[in-house]
Amino acid sequence: MPLTEGTVLITGVTGLVGSAIALEIERAGFKVRATTRDLEKGTAWSSKYPDLNVEWVLIQDQKDLGVYDDAMKGCVGAIHAAGPFVLDHTAGEDIMNPQINGTLSILQAAAKEKSVKRVVYTSTVAAIQNAPHLGNNAGTTYDESFWNEGDWEQGLGSEDIAHNPVTSYGCGKTLAEQKAWEFMKTEKPHFDLVALCPGTGYGPITQACDSLKDLDTASERLWEHIINAHNEVHPGPLNYINDPSPIFTNTLDTAEAHLKALTWPGLGGQRYLLISGYYSYTRIIAILKKAFPEEAYRFPDVPDEGLPIEPWYFVDCSKAVKDLGWRPRTLDESIIAEGTTLFELAKKEKMTNGVAK
């Protein structure tokens, strides 16, 4: 039976993707029980959306198994969007352990709660593509049948291979999703599982942000490219040096897909690659310069508007098109929406302290 009402547990709601998902699920008529590692961020989120009645639960450490047992009580479904996407960790286990144990904790908690009908796991394209920042598999067309070949040891690094935060993130998400499918196979719980694999998130910034310092990792990275735009124009075909993973997913596209994955029947046991399109930083700069003339001083001239975009690997989302009605938003729409918030925050910061990049 399709889900139409009840309480849905959503993790990571104060993040870029989790926030958009929570808005989509709540506005579809469900009651949202949201988790956060910082209740002040939860309060700020609710202050931004005072018309929404979201229940907040503090989850301090995903490394501890069992942390979601109480939060899952009475839920009809769960969406696990939490999983640290931070690139400032110094040890691979610092990001891989929360990813893996947090995912297992959600599934174990759901298995104890007979009211749960479906769990949606927010995986990532990094669990599909094989270390693009290392230049692997150029020319490959990826779909859901692919898996990142990274393992625990690669994520940790070694004496021969230095620890790489991007590698650790990809390995951790890959292992977490694999553990999830292994759990479903061995434990055979009463609920089913759907895994969604989006790319770099661009689009409206829906979480509570009072300053540029509050940005999530993906948005912060985009802002860094904006303020260093005069060094970012690379005419010609993309490569893994100037654009290591040139695919994106609009955050609203991701949120809408999560609602469908949670509520539509017949999707259990499936994995979906969700990519809205290709990008290059050169093209992004051209879009922003044209859309925000008052910010044009930040950007160099871009030959041919950064077109055509020539990615060095490809994706096939035909399964999502068929099963989820995947009709993603454009790069222009995504970047303009995000740029609007970024420039507003920059202006606010300048008015506050007289300095903004």
Protein backbone atom coordinates (compact mmCIF):
# COMPACT_ATOMS: atom_id res chain seq x y z
CA MET A 1 0.00 0.00 0.00
CA PRO A 2 1.33 3.48 -0.82
CA LEU A 3 2.08 5.81 2.09
CA THR A 4 -0.27 8.79 2.29
CA GLU A 5 -0.09 9.97 5.90
CA GLY A 6 1.66 9.51 9.23
CA THR A 7 4.97 10.47 10.81
CA VAL A 8 8.17 10.25 8.78
CA LEU A 9 11.59 10.33 10.42
CA ILE A 10 14.04 12.42 8.37
CA THR A 11 17.67 12.71 9.35
CA GLY A 12 20.01 15.56 8.48
CA VAL A 13 17.24 18.14 8.07
CA THR A 14 19.47 21.13 8.82
CA GLY A 15 21.63 20.25 5.80
CA LEU A 16 21.25 21.31 2.17
CA VAL A 17 19.55 18.15 0.92
CA GLY A 18 17.76 17.13 4.12
CA SER A 19 16.13 20.55 4.45
CA ALA A 20 14.66 20.41 0.94
CA ILE A 21 13.45 16.86 1.55
CA ALA A 22 11.76 17.78 4.83
CA LEU A 23 9.91 20.67 3.17
CA GLU A 24 8.70 18.39 0.38
CA ILE A 25 7.53 15.65 2.75
CA GLU A 26 5.82 18.01 5.21
CA ARG A 27 4.00 19.89 2.47
CA ALA A 28 2.76 16.57 1.10
CA GLY A 29 0.77 16.12 4.32
CA PHE A 30 3.10 14.02 6.46
CA LYS A 31 4.23 14.88 9.97
CA VAL A 32 8.01 15.29 10.00
CA ARG A 33 10.18 14.16 12.88
CA ALA A 34 13.56 15.68 12.15
CA THR A 35 16.94 14.84 13.59
CA THR A 36 19.82 17.22 14.11
CA ARG A 37 23.18 17.25 15.87
CA ASP A 38 22.55 20.84 16.97
CA LEU A 39 19.15 21.87 18.38
CA GLU A 40 19.99 25.53 17.83
CA LYS A 41 20.12 24.83 14.11
CA GLY A 42 16.79 23.05 14.40
CA THR A 43 15.27 26.05 16.14
CA ALA A 44 16.67 28.36 13.46
CA TRP A 45 15.19 26.13 10.74
CA SER A 46 11.75 26.20 12.39
CA SER A 47 11.97 29.97 12.77
CA LYS A 48 12.51 30.21 9.02
CA TYR A 49 9.41 28.08 8.41
CA PRO A 50 7.00 29.01 11.23
CA ASP A 51 4.01 27.58 9.35
CA LEU A 52 5.47 24.06 9.52
CA ASN A 53 5.10 21.83 12.56
CA VAL A 54 8.34 19.85 12.69
CA GLU A 55 9.32 17.80 15.72
CA TRP A 56 13.05 17.92 16.46
CA VAL A 57 15.14 15.14 17.94
CA LEU A 58 18.78 15.54 19.01
CA ILE A 59 21.14 12.87 17.66
CA GLN A 60 24.61 13.70 18.89
CA ASP A 61 26.71 10.94 17.35
CA GLN A 62 25.83 8.63 14.48
CA LYS A 63 28.79 6.42 15.27
CA ASP A 64 26.79 4.87 18.11
CA LEU A 65 24.48 2.06 17.05
CA GLY A 66 20.95 2.34 18.38
CA VAL A 67 20.82 6.14 18.34
CA TYR A 68 17.63 6.21 16.26
CA ASP A 69 15.57 3.66 18.22
CA ASP A 70 13.51 6.20 20.16
CA ALA A 71 13.18 8.62 17.25
CA MET A 72 11.71 5.87 15.05
CA LYS A 73 8.82 5.06 17.39
CA GLY A 74 5.43 5.45 15.71
CA CYS A 75 6.84 6.32 12.28
CA VAL A 76 5.43 4.97 9.02
CA GLY A 77 8.61 5.65 7.10
CA ALA A 78 12.11 7.07 7.31
CA ILE A 79 14.46 9.00 5.07
CA HIS A 80 18.12 8.82 6.00
CA ALA A 81 19.70 11.94 4.52
CA ALA A 82 22.25 12.51 7.30
CA GLY A 83 25.78 11.41 6.67
CA PRO A 84 28.57 13.92 7.03
CA PHE A 85 29.67 15.59 3.80
CA VAL A 86 32.66 17.43 5.18
CA LEU A 87 36.10 17.58 3.63
CA ASP A 88 38.08 18.87 6.60
CA HIS A 89 38.44 15.58 8.47
CA THR A 90 41.97 14.30 8.99
CA ALA A 91 41.23 10.58 9.37
CA GLY A 92 39.08 8.46 7.08
CA GLU A 93 37.28 6.68 9.91
CA ASP A 94 36.00 10.04 11.19
CA ILE A 95 33.64 10.25 8.22
CA MET A 96 33.23 6.58 7.29
CA ASN A 97 32.11 5.34 10.73
CA PRO A 98 29.18 7.80 11.04
CA GLN A 99 28.10 7.03 7.48
CA ILE A 100 28.09 3.27 7.99
CA ASN A 101 26.81 3.08 11.56
CA GLY A 102 24.21 5.78 11.03
CA THR A 103 22.75 3.81 8.12
CA LEU A 104 22.72 0.55 10.07
CA SER A 105 21.14 2.32 13.06
CA ILE A 106 18.27 3.61 10.92
CA LEU A 107 17.59 0.13 9.52
CA GLN A 108 17.84 -1.56 12.89
CA ALA A 109 15.49 0.99 14.43
CA ALA A 110 13.00 0.54 11.58
CA ALA A 111 13.14 -3.24 12.04
CA LYS A 112 11.99 -2.79 15.65
CA GLU A 113 9.05 -0.59 14.67
CA LYS A 114 6.27 -2.54 12.94
CA SER A 115 4.59 0.65 11.71
CA VAL A 116 7.46 1.41 9.31
CA LYS A 117 6.63 0.54 5.70
CA ARG A 118 9.61 1.95 3.80
CA VAL A 119 13.06 3.43 4.36
CA VAL A 120 14.64 5.71 1.75
CA TYR A 121 18.40 5.98 1.90
CA THR A 122 20.04 9.09 0.46
CA SER A 123 23.12 7.59 -1.12
CA THR A 124 25.22 9.47 -3.66
CA VAL A 125 26.71 9.25 -7.11
CA ALA A 126 30.01 8.88 -5.22
CA ALA A 127 28.84 5.34 -4.41
CA ILE A 128 28.53 4.68 -8.15
CA GLN A 129 31.40 6.44 -9.89
CA ASN A 130 34.90 5.22 -9.32
CA ALA A 131 36.95 8.03 -7.76
CA PRO A 132 36.56 10.67 -10.52
CA HIS A 133 38.96 13.04 -8.72
CA LEU A 134 41.69 10.51 -9.55
CA GLY A 135 40.82 10.56 -13.24
CA ASN A 136 39.50 7.00 -13.31
CA ASN A 137 37.21 5.58 -16.01
CA ALA A 138 37.19 8.51 -18.41
CA GLY A 139 34.54 8.01 -21.08
CA THR A 140 32.46 5.66 -18.91
CA THR A 141 28.67 5.94 -18.90
CA TYR A 142 27.51 5.26 -15.34
CA ASP A 143 24.17 3.84 -14.28
CA GLU A 144 22.83 2.08 -11.18
CA SER A 145 24.71 -1.13 -11.95
CA PHE A 146 28.06 0.52 -11.13
CA TRP A 147 29.70 0.63 -7.71
CA ASN A 148 32.60 2.71 -6.49
CA GLU A 149 35.41 0.17 -6.09
CA GLY A 150 36.84 1.89 -3.02
CA ASP A 151 37.02 -0.03 0.24
CA TRP A 152 37.71 0.65 3.91
CA GLU A 153 41.47 0.53 3.51
CA GLN A 154 41.43 2.97 0.60
CA GLY A 155 39.22 5.31 2.61
CA LEU A 156 41.65 5.21 5.51
CA GLY A 157 44.71 5.87 3.39
CA SER A 158 48.04 4.23 4.09
CA GLU A 159 51.75 4.84 4.19
CA ASP A 160 51.75 4.53 0.40
CA ILE A 161 48.48 6.38 -0.28
CA ALA A 162 47.87 9.64 1.58
CA HIS A 163 44.48 10.17 3.20
CA ASN A 164 42.16 12.00 0.78
CA PRO A 165 38.92 13.43 2.23
CA VAL A 166 37.05 12.98 -1.08
CA THR A 167 38.14 9.35 -1.26
CA SER A 168 37.05 8.76 2.34
CA TYR A 169 33.64 10.27 1.66
CA GLY A 170 33.07 8.12 -1.43
CA CYS A 171 34.29 4.95 0.26
CA GLY A 172 32.17 5.58 3.34
CA LYS A 173 28.98 6.19 1.36
CA THR A 174 29.65 3.14 -0.79
CA LEU A 175 30.18 0.89 2.21
CA ALA A 176 27.12 2.34 3.95
CA GLU A 177 24.85 1.60 1.02
CA GLN A 178 26.30 -1.87 0.55
CA LYS A 179 25.74 -2.57 4.25
CA ALA A 180 22.14 -1.42 3.83
CA TRP A 181 21.44 -3.87 1.01
CA GLU A 182 23.23 -6.62 2.92
CA PHE A 183 20.99 -5.90 5.92
CA MET A 184 17.88 -6.19 3.77
CA LYS A 185 19.07 -9.49 2.33
CA THR A 186 20.10 -11.14 5.58
CA GLU A 187 17.56 -9.70 8.04
CA LYS A 188 14.55 -9.67 5.70
CA PRO A 189 12.72 -6.94 7.63
CA HIS A 190 9.02 -6.14 7.26
CA PHE A 191 9.73 -2.87 5.37
CA ASP A 192 11.39 -2.25 2.02
CA LEU A 193 14.29 -0.02 1.01
CA VAL A 194 14.90 2.43 -1.82
CA ALA A 195 18.31 4.04 -2.43
CA LEU A 196 18.70 7.34 -4.29
CA CYS A 197 22.05 8.51 -5.68
CA PRO A 198 22.14 12.26 -6.45
CA GLY A 199 25.17 14.31 -7.46
CA THR A 200 26.55 17.64 -6.26
CA GLY A 201 23.63 19.66 -4.91
CA TYR A 202 22.84 22.96 -6.61
CA GLY A 203 19.63 24.94 -6.34
CA PRO A 204 17.71 26.86 -3.68
CA ILE A 205 19.41 26.97 -0.29
CA THR A 206 16.49 26.09 1.96
CA GLN A 207 18.29 25.52 5.26
CA ALA A 208 18.67 28.32 7.79
CA CYS A 209 21.68 30.46 6.85
CA ASP A 210 22.39 33.79 8.48
CA SER A 211 25.84 34.19 6.96
CA LEU A 212 28.26 32.66 4.51
CA LYS A 213 29.83 30.85 7.46
CA ASP A 214 26.62 28.80 7.81
CA LEU A 215 26.85 27.29 4.33
CA ASP A 216 26.96 23.56 3.76
CA THR A 217 30.06 22.06 2.18
CA ALA A 218 28.72 22.03 -1.40
CA SER A 219 27.49 25.64 -1.26
CA GLU A 220 30.67 26.78 0.44
CA ARG A 221 32.68 25.15 -2.33
CA LEU A 222 30.61 26.95 -4.99
CA TRP A 223 31.15 30.26 -3.20
CA GLU A 224 34.89 29.65 -3.17
CA HIS A 225 34.77 29.18 -6.94
CA ILE A 226 32.81 32.41 -7.26
CA ILE A 227 35.24 34.53 -5.28
CA ASN A 228 38.14 32.98 -7.18
CA ALA A 229 36.35 33.15 -10.52
CA HIS A 230 39.19 34.86 -12.38
CA ASN A 231 41.21 31.66 -11.96
CA GLU A 232 38.37 29.31 -12.87
CA VAL A 233 37.90 29.67 -16.62
CA HIS A 234 39.16 26.59 -18.44
CA PRO A 235 38.07 26.66 -22.10
CA GLY A 236 37.84 23.34 -23.89
CA PRO A 237 36.87 19.82 -22.79
CA LEU A 238 36.64 19.09 -19.09
CA ASN A 239 39.06 16.86 -17.26
CA TYR A 240 39.41 15.54 -13.74
CA ILE A 241 41.75 18.38 -12.77
CA ASN A 242 39.53 21.37 -13.51
CA ASP A 243 36.17 19.63 -12.93
CA PRO A 244 36.56 16.38 -10.96
CA SER A 245 32.87 15.46 -10.92
CA PRO A 246 30.99 17.54 -13.50
CA ILE A 247 27.47 16.37 -12.68
CA PHE A 248 24.87 18.01 -10.44
CA THR A 249 21.42 17.43 -9.01
CA ASN A 250 19.02 20.25 -8.26
CA THR A 251 18.05 20.08 -4.58
CA LEU A 252 14.35 20.38 -5.44
CA ASP A 253 14.67 17.52 -7.92
CA THR A 254 16.26 15.46 -5.16
CA ALA A 255 13.48 16.33 -2.71
CA GLU A 256 10.71 15.46 -5.16
CA ALA A 257 12.35 12.13 -5.93
CA HIS A 258 12.48 11.33 -2.21
CA LEU A 259 8.75 11.95 -1.85
CA LYS A 260 8.07 9.58 -4.74
CA ALA A 261 10.53 7.00 -3.42
CA LEU A 262 8.78 7.11 -0.05
CA THR A 263 5.20 7.00 -1.25
CA TRP A 264 4.97 5.27 -4.61
CA PRO A 265 4.29 1.53 -4.60
CA GLY A 266 6.47 -0.93 -6.47
CA LEU A 267 9.79 0.83 -5.88
CA GLY A 268 11.05 -1.28 -2.98
CA GLY A 269 14.44 -2.90 -3.51
CA GLN A 270 15.47 -0.39 -6.18
CA ARG A 271 18.43 1.91 -6.60
CA TYR A 272 18.20 5.10 -8.67
CA LEU A 273 20.82 7.42 -10.12
CA LEU A 274 19.50 10.99 -9.99
CA ILE A 275 21.48 13.48 -12.04
CA SER A 276 19.95 16.74 -13.28
CA GLY A 277 22.72 17.46 -15.77
CA TYR A 278 26.34 18.31 -16.43
CA TYR A 279 28.20 21.44 -15.45
CA SER A 280 31.56 23.15 -15.59
CA TYR A 281 32.75 26.01 -13.43
CA THR A 282 33.37 27.93 -16.63
CA ARG A 283 29.70 27.60 -17.58
CA ILE A 284 28.58 28.44 -14.03
CA ILE A 285 30.61 31.66 -14.14
CA ALA A 286 28.98 32.61 -17.44
CA ILE A 287 25.51 31.97 -16.04
CA LEU A 288 26.13 34.05 -12.93
CA LYS A 289 27.73 36.94 -14.80
CA LYS A 290 24.72 37.23 -17.11
CA ALA A 291 22.05 36.70 -14.43
CA PHE A 292 23.55 39.06 -11.84
CA PRO A 293 24.93 42.12 -13.66
CA GLU A 294 25.53 43.92 -10.35
CA GLU A 295 27.96 41.12 -9.45
CA ALA A 296 29.64 41.03 -12.88
CA TYR A 297 32.86 42.54 -11.49
CA ARG A 298 33.53 39.20 -9.83
CA PHE A 299 33.73 37.32 -13.11
CA PRO A 300 35.99 37.25 -16.16
CA ASP A 301 34.67 37.10 -19.69
CA VAL A 302 33.90 33.52 -20.69
CA PRO A 303 34.49 32.43 -24.30
CA ASP A 304 31.30 31.14 -25.95
CA GLU A 305 29.43 31.37 -22.62
CA GLY A 306 31.20 28.20 -21.52
CA LEU A 307 29.39 26.12 -24.12
CA PRO A 308 29.28 23.38 -25.08
CA ILE A 309 29.80 21.51 -21.83
CA GLU A 310 31.86 18.47 -22.66
CA PRO A 311 31.96 16.12 -19.66
CA TRP A 312 34.71 13.55 -19.48
CA TYR A 313 32.32 10.83 -18.28
CA PHE A 314 28.57 10.35 -18.62
CA VAL A 315 25.46 9.19 -16.76
CA ASP A 316 22.36 7.23 -17.72
CA CYS A 317 19.28 8.08 -15.62
CA SER A 318 16.76 6.31 -17.84
CA LYS A 319 15.67 4.07 -14.96
CA ALA A 320 14.66 7.11 -12.90
CA VAL A 321 12.91 8.60 -15.94
CA LYS A 322 10.88 5.41 -16.34
CA ASP A 323 10.08 4.65 -12.70
CA LEU A 324 10.08 8.08 -11.04
CA GLY A 325 9.08 10.36 -13.91
CA TRP A 326 12.47 12.07 -13.58
CA ARG A 327 12.27 15.47 -15.28
CA PRO A 328 15.11 17.50 -13.78
CA ARG A 329 15.63 21.24 -13.70
CA THR A 330 18.29 22.96 -15.79
CA LEU A 331 21.75 24.10 -14.74
CA ASP A 332 20.78 27.73 -15.37
CA GLU A 333 17.76 27.47 -13.08
CA SER A 334 19.75 25.70 -10.39
CA ILE A 335 22.70 28.10 -10.35
CA ILE A 336 20.58 31.25 -10.48
CA ALA A 337 18.52 30.03 -7.52
CA GLU A 338 21.62 29.29 -5.48
CA GLY A 339 23.43 32.42 -6.59
CA THR A 340 20.51 34.53 -5.38
CA THR A 341 21.00 33.34 -1.81
CA LEU A 342 24.79 33.46 -1.93
CA PHE A 343 24.89 37.06 -3.11
CA GLU A 344 22.23 38.06 -0.56
CA LEU A 345 24.35 36.57 2.22
CA ALA A 346 27.44 38.36 0.89
CA LYS A 347 25.61 41.70 0.91
CA LYS A 348 24.34 41.04 4.43
CA GLU A 349 27.87 40.26 5.59
CA LYS A 350 29.19 43.42 3.98
CA MET A 351 26.58 45.54 5.72
CA THR A 352 27.35 43.86 9.04
CA ASN A 353 31.10 44.18 9.14
CA GLY A 354 31.95 46.34 6.17
CA VAL A 355 33.89 43.58 4.46
CA ALA A 356 32.78 40.94 1.97
CA LYS A 357 34.66 39.14 -0.72
